[in-house]
Amino acid sequence: MLRLNRRTLPSQGVIVTSNTRLRVRLCGNVGAWRRRLLIIRYEGLKPKKKIPDFGGKLAREEGSGILNFAIAGLAMLLKDIDENESGDIALTERQKTIVDNLLAESDSLRLFLQEAIVAAEGEDLSVNEIVEAYAAFCPEKGWDPLPITEIQRSLEGLMLELFHVTKSHCIKRDDRSVRGFFGVRLK
């Protein structure tokens, strides 16, 4: 018999289901998110024919089997947590990679800036040049780029944090002044 109590179950748990790629607001604490995320992807093919009232049909015809399957899964989960030295769910390398990719995509602008831009005396970059390079960088990694409004909201703070440069409104491009940053260039 399986007994559940506060000691055997994690204190908090959230399940999120989505039809789109998720992003996490990291707030600078990637490690905390990495410890708390478990991503399970459904990668099967969409059924060719929709079954009306599928949930009801499953409950009527397979309900006890589904419940037994869930209870067996819970028993395996609790055993896994108990046997793991950290007391966490042990993830496979593939699951760890999926979590790491989500976290990297969620922090894609920071990672782009760290990988693609360097401090360079006498050089400058316009905001548009940075955005265009970022937009080319993301598909290379298999990521969806952030929305332009989020890029523009985050860029100034990240450039200050990473390169100690502030946004200027007098970067010269085509005999015009545009927004950008002095003292940096693309690698």
C-alpha atoms as a PDB file:
ATOM      1  CA  MET A   1       0.000   0.000   0.000  1.00  0.00           C
ATOM      2  CA  LEU A   2       1.302   3.435  -0.945  1.00  0.00           C
ATOM      3  CA  ARG A   3       1.125   6.019   1.844  1.00  0.00           C
ATOM      4  CA  LEU A   4       1.384   9.694   1.042  1.00  0.00           C
ATOM      5  CA  ASN A   5       2.205  12.406   3.526  1.00  0.00           C
ATOM      6  CA  ARG A   6       3.982  15.745   3.659  1.00  0.00           C
ATOM      7  CA  ARG A   7       7.387  14.054   3.877  1.00  0.00           C
ATOM      8  CA  THR A   8       6.903  11.858   0.818  1.00  0.00           C
ATOM      9  CA  LEU A   9       5.586  14.498  -1.562  1.00  0.00           C
ATOM     10  CA  PRO A  10       7.375  17.608  -2.816  1.00  0.00           C
ATOM     11  CA  SER A  11       6.055  20.680  -1.014  1.00  0.00           C
ATOM     12  CA  GLN A  12       5.126  22.532  -4.187  1.00  0.00           C
ATOM     13  CA  GLY A  13       4.462  21.474  -7.703  1.00  0.00           C
ATOM     14  CA  VAL A  14       3.067  23.085 -10.789  1.00  0.00           C
ATOM     15  CA  ILE A  15       2.135  21.469 -14.067  1.00  0.00           C
ATOM     16  CA  VAL A  16       1.901  23.708 -17.106  1.00  0.00           C
ATOM     17  CA  THR A  17       0.643  22.555 -20.456  1.00  0.00           C
ATOM     18  CA  SER A  18       1.072  24.636 -23.560  1.00  0.00           C
ATOM     19  CA  ASN A  19       0.633  24.552 -27.306  1.00  0.00           C
ATOM     20  CA  THR A  20       3.443  27.033 -27.765  1.00  0.00           C
ATOM     21  CA  ARG A  21       7.057  27.398 -26.714  1.00  0.00           C
ATOM     22  CA  LEU A  22       7.348  28.762 -23.222  1.00  0.00           C
ATOM     23  CA  ARG A  23       9.771  31.329 -21.858  1.00  0.00           C
ATOM     24  CA  VAL A  24      10.815  31.819 -18.276  1.00  0.00           C
ATOM     25  CA  ARG A  25      11.407  35.204 -16.643  1.00  0.00           C
ATOM     26  CA  LEU A  26      14.705  34.235 -15.103  1.00  0.00           C
ATOM     27  CA  CYS A  27      15.354  37.333 -12.986  1.00  0.00           C
ATOM     28  CA  GLY A  28      19.018  36.353 -12.904  1.00  0.00           C
ATOM     29  CA  ASN A  29      18.577  33.010 -11.145  1.00  0.00           C
ATOM     30  CA  VAL A  30      19.095  30.343 -13.795  1.00  0.00           C
ATOM     31  CA  GLY A  31      20.273  27.733 -11.290  1.00  0.00           C
ATOM     32  CA  ALA A  32      17.067  27.941  -9.275  1.00  0.00           C
ATOM     33  CA  TRP A  33      14.981  27.429 -12.398  1.00  0.00           C
ATOM     34  CA  ARG A  34      17.205  24.553 -13.536  1.00  0.00           C
ATOM     35  CA  ARG A  35      16.648  22.764 -10.203  1.00  0.00           C
ATOM     36  CA  ARG A  36      12.881  23.216 -10.377  1.00  0.00           C
ATOM     37  CA  LEU A  37      11.990  22.439 -13.982  1.00  0.00           C
ATOM     38  CA  LEU A  38      11.010  19.131 -15.482  1.00  0.00           C
ATOM     39  CA  ILE A  39       9.788  19.347 -19.059  1.00  0.00           C
ATOM     40  CA  ILE A  40       7.856  16.541 -20.678  1.00  0.00           C
ATOM     41  CA  ARG A  41       7.223  17.025 -24.370  1.00  0.00           C
ATOM     42  CA  TYR A  42       4.526  15.346 -26.340  1.00  0.00           C
ATOM     43  CA  GLU A  43       6.159  14.677 -29.665  1.00  0.00           C
ATOM     44  CA  GLY A  44       3.691  12.211 -31.136  1.00  0.00           C
ATOM     45  CA  LEU A  45       1.721  12.754 -34.292  1.00  0.00           C
ATOM     46  CA  LYS A  46      -1.654  14.438 -34.131  1.00  0.00           C
ATOM     47  CA  PRO A  47      -4.425  11.843 -34.436  1.00  0.00           C
ATOM     48  CA  LYS A  48      -5.877  11.657 -37.943  1.00  0.00           C
ATOM     49  CA  LYS A  49      -9.425  11.513 -36.671  1.00  0.00           C
ATOM     50  CA  LYS A  50     -10.742  13.315 -33.600  1.00  0.00           C
ATOM     51  CA  ILE A  51     -12.688  11.070 -31.205  1.00  0.00           C
ATOM     52  CA  PRO A  52     -15.751  12.874 -29.817  1.00  0.00           C
ATOM     53  CA  ASP A  53     -15.826  13.046 -25.977  1.00  0.00           C
ATOM     54  CA  PHE A  54     -12.445  11.319 -25.838  1.00  0.00           C
ATOM     55  CA  GLY A  55     -11.905  12.170 -22.161  1.00  0.00           C
ATOM     56  CA  GLY A  56     -15.243  10.689 -21.193  1.00  0.00           C
ATOM     57  CA  LYS A  57     -14.632   7.583 -23.284  1.00  0.00           C
ATOM     58  CA  LEU A  58     -11.216   7.071 -21.676  1.00  0.00           C
ATOM     59  CA  ALA A  59     -12.679   7.483 -18.178  1.00  0.00           C
ATOM     60  CA  ARG A  60     -15.484   4.988 -18.869  1.00  0.00           C
ATOM     61  CA  GLU A  61     -13.455   2.363 -20.702  1.00  0.00           C
ATOM     62  CA  GLU A  62      -9.935   2.735 -19.289  1.00  0.00           C
ATOM     63  CA  GLY A  63     -10.376   4.707 -16.063  1.00  0.00           C
ATOM     64  CA  SER A  64      -9.169   2.041 -13.630  1.00  0.00           C
ATOM     65  CA  GLY A  65      -6.153   1.241 -15.826  1.00  0.00           C
ATOM     66  CA  ILE A  66      -5.237   4.918 -16.105  1.00  0.00           C
ATOM     67  CA  LEU A  67      -5.535   5.345 -12.331  1.00  0.00           C
ATOM     68  CA  ASN A  68      -3.382   2.245 -11.709  1.00  0.00           C
ATOM     69  CA  PHE A  69      -0.818   3.558 -14.223  1.00  0.00           C
ATOM     70  CA  ALA A  70      -0.738   6.938 -12.423  1.00  0.00           C
ATOM     71  CA  ILE A  71      -0.331   5.289  -8.998  1.00  0.00           C
ATOM     72  CA  ALA A  72       2.489   3.081 -10.296  1.00  0.00           C
ATOM     73  CA  GLY A  73       4.131   6.170 -11.773  1.00  0.00           C
ATOM     74  CA  LEU A  74       3.822   8.007  -8.454  1.00  0.00           C
ATOM     75  CA  ALA A  75       5.423   5.056  -6.652  1.00  0.00           C
ATOM     76  CA  MET A  76       8.341   5.134  -9.133  1.00  0.00           C
ATOM     77  CA  LEU A  77       8.645   8.903  -8.716  1.00  0.00           C
ATOM     78  CA  LEU A  78       8.744   8.698  -4.921  1.00  0.00           C
ATOM     79  CA  LYS A  79      11.322   5.894  -5.099  1.00  0.00           C
ATOM     80  CA  ASP A  80      13.391   7.991  -7.537  1.00  0.00           C
ATOM     81  CA  ILE A  81      13.268  10.996  -5.198  1.00  0.00           C
ATOM     82  CA  ASP A  82      14.150   8.827  -2.187  1.00  0.00           C
ATOM     83  CA  GLU A  83      17.132   7.210  -3.934  1.00  0.00           C
ATOM     84  CA  ASN A  84      18.517  10.415  -5.419  1.00  0.00           C
ATOM     85  CA  GLU A  85      21.159  11.968  -3.142  1.00  0.00           C
ATOM     86  CA  SER A  86      19.773  15.471  -3.632  1.00  0.00           C
ATOM     87  CA  GLY A  87      16.198  14.388  -2.939  1.00  0.00           C
ATOM     88  CA  ASP A  88      15.149  15.626  -6.372  1.00  0.00           C
ATOM     89  CA  ILE A  89      13.721  13.886  -9.381  1.00  0.00           C
ATOM     90  CA  ALA A  90      16.586  12.420 -11.396  1.00  0.00           C
ATOM     91  CA  LEU A  91      16.499  13.735 -14.954  1.00  0.00           C
ATOM     92  CA  THR A  92      17.928  11.963 -17.971  1.00  0.00           C
ATOM     93  CA  GLU A  93      20.551  13.769 -20.024  1.00  0.00           C
ATOM     94  CA  ARG A  94      17.895  14.447 -22.674  1.00  0.00           C
ATOM     95  CA  GLN A  95      15.580  16.008 -20.080  1.00  0.00           C
ATOM     96  CA  LYS A  96      18.451  18.143 -18.741  1.00  0.00           C
ATOM     97  CA  THR A  97      19.211  19.311 -22.285  1.00  0.00           C
ATOM     98  CA  ILE A  98      15.556  20.269 -22.849  1.00  0.00           C
ATOM     99  CA  VAL A  99      15.547  22.318 -19.612  1.00  0.00           C
ATOM    100  CA  ASP A 100      18.890  23.943 -20.478  1.00  0.00           C
ATOM    101  CA  ASN A 101      17.594  24.870 -23.941  1.00  0.00           C
ATOM    102  CA  LEU A 102      14.462  26.466 -22.472  1.00  0.00           C
ATOM    103  CA  LEU A 103      16.555  28.474 -20.015  1.00  0.00           C
ATOM    104  CA  ALA A 104      19.004  29.525 -22.739  1.00  0.00           C
ATOM    105  CA  GLU A 105      16.188  30.587 -25.069  1.00  0.00           C
ATOM    106  CA  SER A 106      14.569  32.487 -22.197  1.00  0.00           C
ATOM    107  CA  ASP A 107      17.850  34.393 -21.717  1.00  0.00           C
ATOM    108  CA  SER A 108      18.694  34.539 -25.426  1.00  0.00           C
ATOM    109  CA  LEU A 109      19.413  38.273 -25.625  1.00  0.00           C
ATOM    110  CA  ARG A 110      21.974  38.099 -22.808  1.00  0.00           C
ATOM    111  CA  LEU A 111      23.606  35.015 -24.356  1.00  0.00           C
ATOM    112  CA  PHE A 112      23.701  36.681 -27.765  1.00  0.00           C
ATOM    113  CA  LEU A 113      25.359  39.788 -26.354  1.00  0.00           C
ATOM    114  CA  GLN A 114      27.944  37.687 -24.487  1.00  0.00           C
ATOM    115  CA  GLU A 115      28.742  35.584 -27.559  1.00  0.00           C
ATOM    116  CA  ALA A 116      28.515  38.133 -30.358  1.00  0.00           C
ATOM    117  CA  ILE A 117      29.618  41.513 -28.996  1.00  0.00           C
ATOM    118  CA  VAL A 118      32.934  42.677 -27.573  1.00  0.00           C
ATOM    119  CA  ALA A 119      34.196  45.909 -26.066  1.00  0.00           C
ATOM    120  CA  ALA A 120      36.113  47.873 -28.696  1.00  0.00           C
ATOM    121  CA  GLU A 121      37.512  51.362 -28.216  1.00  0.00           C
ATOM    122  CA  GLY A 122      36.518  53.705 -31.034  1.00  0.00           C
ATOM    123  CA  GLU A 123      33.818  51.367 -32.383  1.00  0.00           C
ATOM    124  CA  ASP A 124      30.046  51.609 -32.106  1.00  0.00           C
ATOM    125  CA  LEU A 125      26.864  49.695 -32.857  1.00  0.00           C
ATOM    126  CA  SER A 126      23.399  50.979 -33.548  1.00  0.00           C
ATOM    127  CA  VAL A 127      20.423  49.395 -31.806  1.00  0.00           C
ATOM    128  CA  ASN A 128      19.170  48.244 -35.221  1.00  0.00           C
ATOM    129  CA  GLU A 129      22.473  46.508 -35.988  1.00  0.00           C
ATOM    130  CA  ILE A 130      22.290  44.660 -32.665  1.00  0.00           C
ATOM    131  CA  VAL A 131      18.644  43.678 -33.229  1.00  0.00           C
ATOM    132  CA  GLU A 132      19.351  42.415 -36.760  1.00  0.00           C
ATOM    133  CA  ALA A 133      22.350  40.370 -35.589  1.00  0.00           C
ATOM    134  CA  TYR A 134      20.269  38.947 -32.720  1.00  0.00           C
ATOM    135  CA  ALA A 135      17.460  38.061 -35.137  1.00  0.00           C
ATOM    136  CA  ALA A 136      19.980  36.097 -37.248  1.00  0.00           C
ATOM    137  CA  PHE A 137      21.562  34.461 -34.163  1.00  0.00           C
ATOM    138  CA  CYS A 138      18.379  32.939 -32.722  1.00  0.00           C
ATOM    139  CA  PRO A 139      17.431  30.686 -35.681  1.00  0.00           C
ATOM    140  CA  GLU A 140      21.006  29.352 -35.717  1.00  0.00           C
ATOM    141  CA  LYS A 141      20.367  28.112 -32.164  1.00  0.00           C
ATOM    142  CA  GLY A 142      16.858  26.862 -32.973  1.00  0.00           C
ATOM    143  CA  TRP A 143      15.279  29.598 -30.822  1.00  0.00           C
ATOM    144  CA  ASP A 144      12.472  32.050 -31.413  1.00  0.00           C
ATOM    145  CA  PRO A 145      13.761  35.606 -30.934  1.00  0.00           C
ATOM    146  CA  LEU A 146      12.210  37.819 -28.293  1.00  0.00           C
ATOM    147  CA  PRO A 147       9.596  40.338 -29.430  1.00  0.00           C
ATOM    148  CA  ILE A 148      11.123  43.645 -30.509  1.00  0.00           C
ATOM    149  CA  THR A 149       9.499  45.506 -27.600  1.00  0.00           C
ATOM    150  CA  GLU A 150      11.144  43.159 -25.108  1.00  0.00           C
ATOM    151  CA  ILE A 151      14.522  43.486 -26.847  1.00  0.00           C
ATOM    152  CA  GLN A 152      14.353  47.255 -26.717  1.00  0.00           C
ATOM    153  CA  ARG A 153      13.225  47.203 -23.069  1.00  0.00           C
ATOM    154  CA  SER A 154      16.088  44.892 -21.989  1.00  0.00           C
ATOM    155  CA  LEU A 155      18.943  45.933 -24.264  1.00  0.00           C
ATOM    156  CA  GLU A 156      20.041  49.098 -22.475  1.00  0.00           C
ATOM    157  CA  GLY A 157      20.288  47.408 -19.063  1.00  0.00           C
ATOM    158  CA  LEU A 158      22.136  44.395 -20.449  1.00  0.00           C
ATOM    159  CA  MET A 159      24.629  46.549 -22.355  1.00  0.00           C
ATOM    160  CA  LEU A 160      25.342  48.507 -19.185  1.00  0.00           C
ATOM    161  CA  GLU A 161      25.704  45.316 -17.140  1.00  0.00           C
ATOM    162  CA  LEU A 162      27.871  43.422 -19.638  1.00  0.00           C
ATOM    163  CA  PHE A 163      29.919  46.171 -21.305  1.00  0.00           C
ATOM    164  CA  HIS A 164      29.518  49.194 -19.008  1.00  0.00           C
ATOM    165  CA  VAL A 165      28.184  51.326 -21.855  1.00  0.00           C
ATOM    166  CA  THR A 166      25.046  53.426 -21.930  1.00  0.00           C
ATOM    167  CA  LYS A 167      22.746  54.098 -24.844  1.00  0.00           C
ATOM    168  CA  SER A 168      23.537  57.142 -26.929  1.00  0.00           C
ATOM    169  CA  HIS A 169      21.344  58.975 -29.394  1.00  0.00           C
ATOM    170  CA  CYS A 170      24.240  60.180 -31.524  1.00  0.00           C
ATOM    171  CA  ILE A 171      25.596  57.101 -33.283  1.00  0.00           C
ATOM    172  CA  LYS A 172      26.128  58.178 -36.891  1.00  0.00           C
ATOM    173  CA  ARG A 173      24.621  56.067 -39.675  1.00  0.00           C
ATOM    174  CA  ASP A 174      23.962  57.427 -43.183  1.00  0.00           C
ATOM    175  CA  ASP A 175      24.552  61.021 -42.029  1.00  0.00           C
ATOM    176  CA  ARG A 176      21.866  60.623 -39.349  1.00  0.00           C
ATOM    177  CA  SER A 177      22.012  60.205 -35.594  1.00  0.00           C
ATOM    178  CA  VAL A 178      20.537  56.941 -34.360  1.00  0.00           C
ATOM    179  CA  ARG A 179      20.323  55.147 -31.035  1.00  0.00           C
ATOM    180  CA  GLY A 180      23.174  52.834 -30.174  1.00  0.00           C
ATOM    181  CA  PHE A 181      26.251  52.191 -28.068  1.00  0.00           C
ATOM    182  CA  PHE A 182      29.823  53.495 -28.242  1.00  0.00           C
ATOM    183  CA  GLY A 183      32.769  51.260 -27.353  1.00  0.00           C
ATOM    184  CA  VAL A 184      31.411  47.941 -28.703  1.00  0.00           C
ATOM    185  CA  ARG A 185      31.412  45.982 -31.933  1.00  0.00           C
ATOM    186  CA  LEU A 186      30.216  42.650 -33.289  1.00  0.00           C
ATOM    187  CA  LYS A 187      32.811  39.852 -33.131  1.00  0.00           C
END
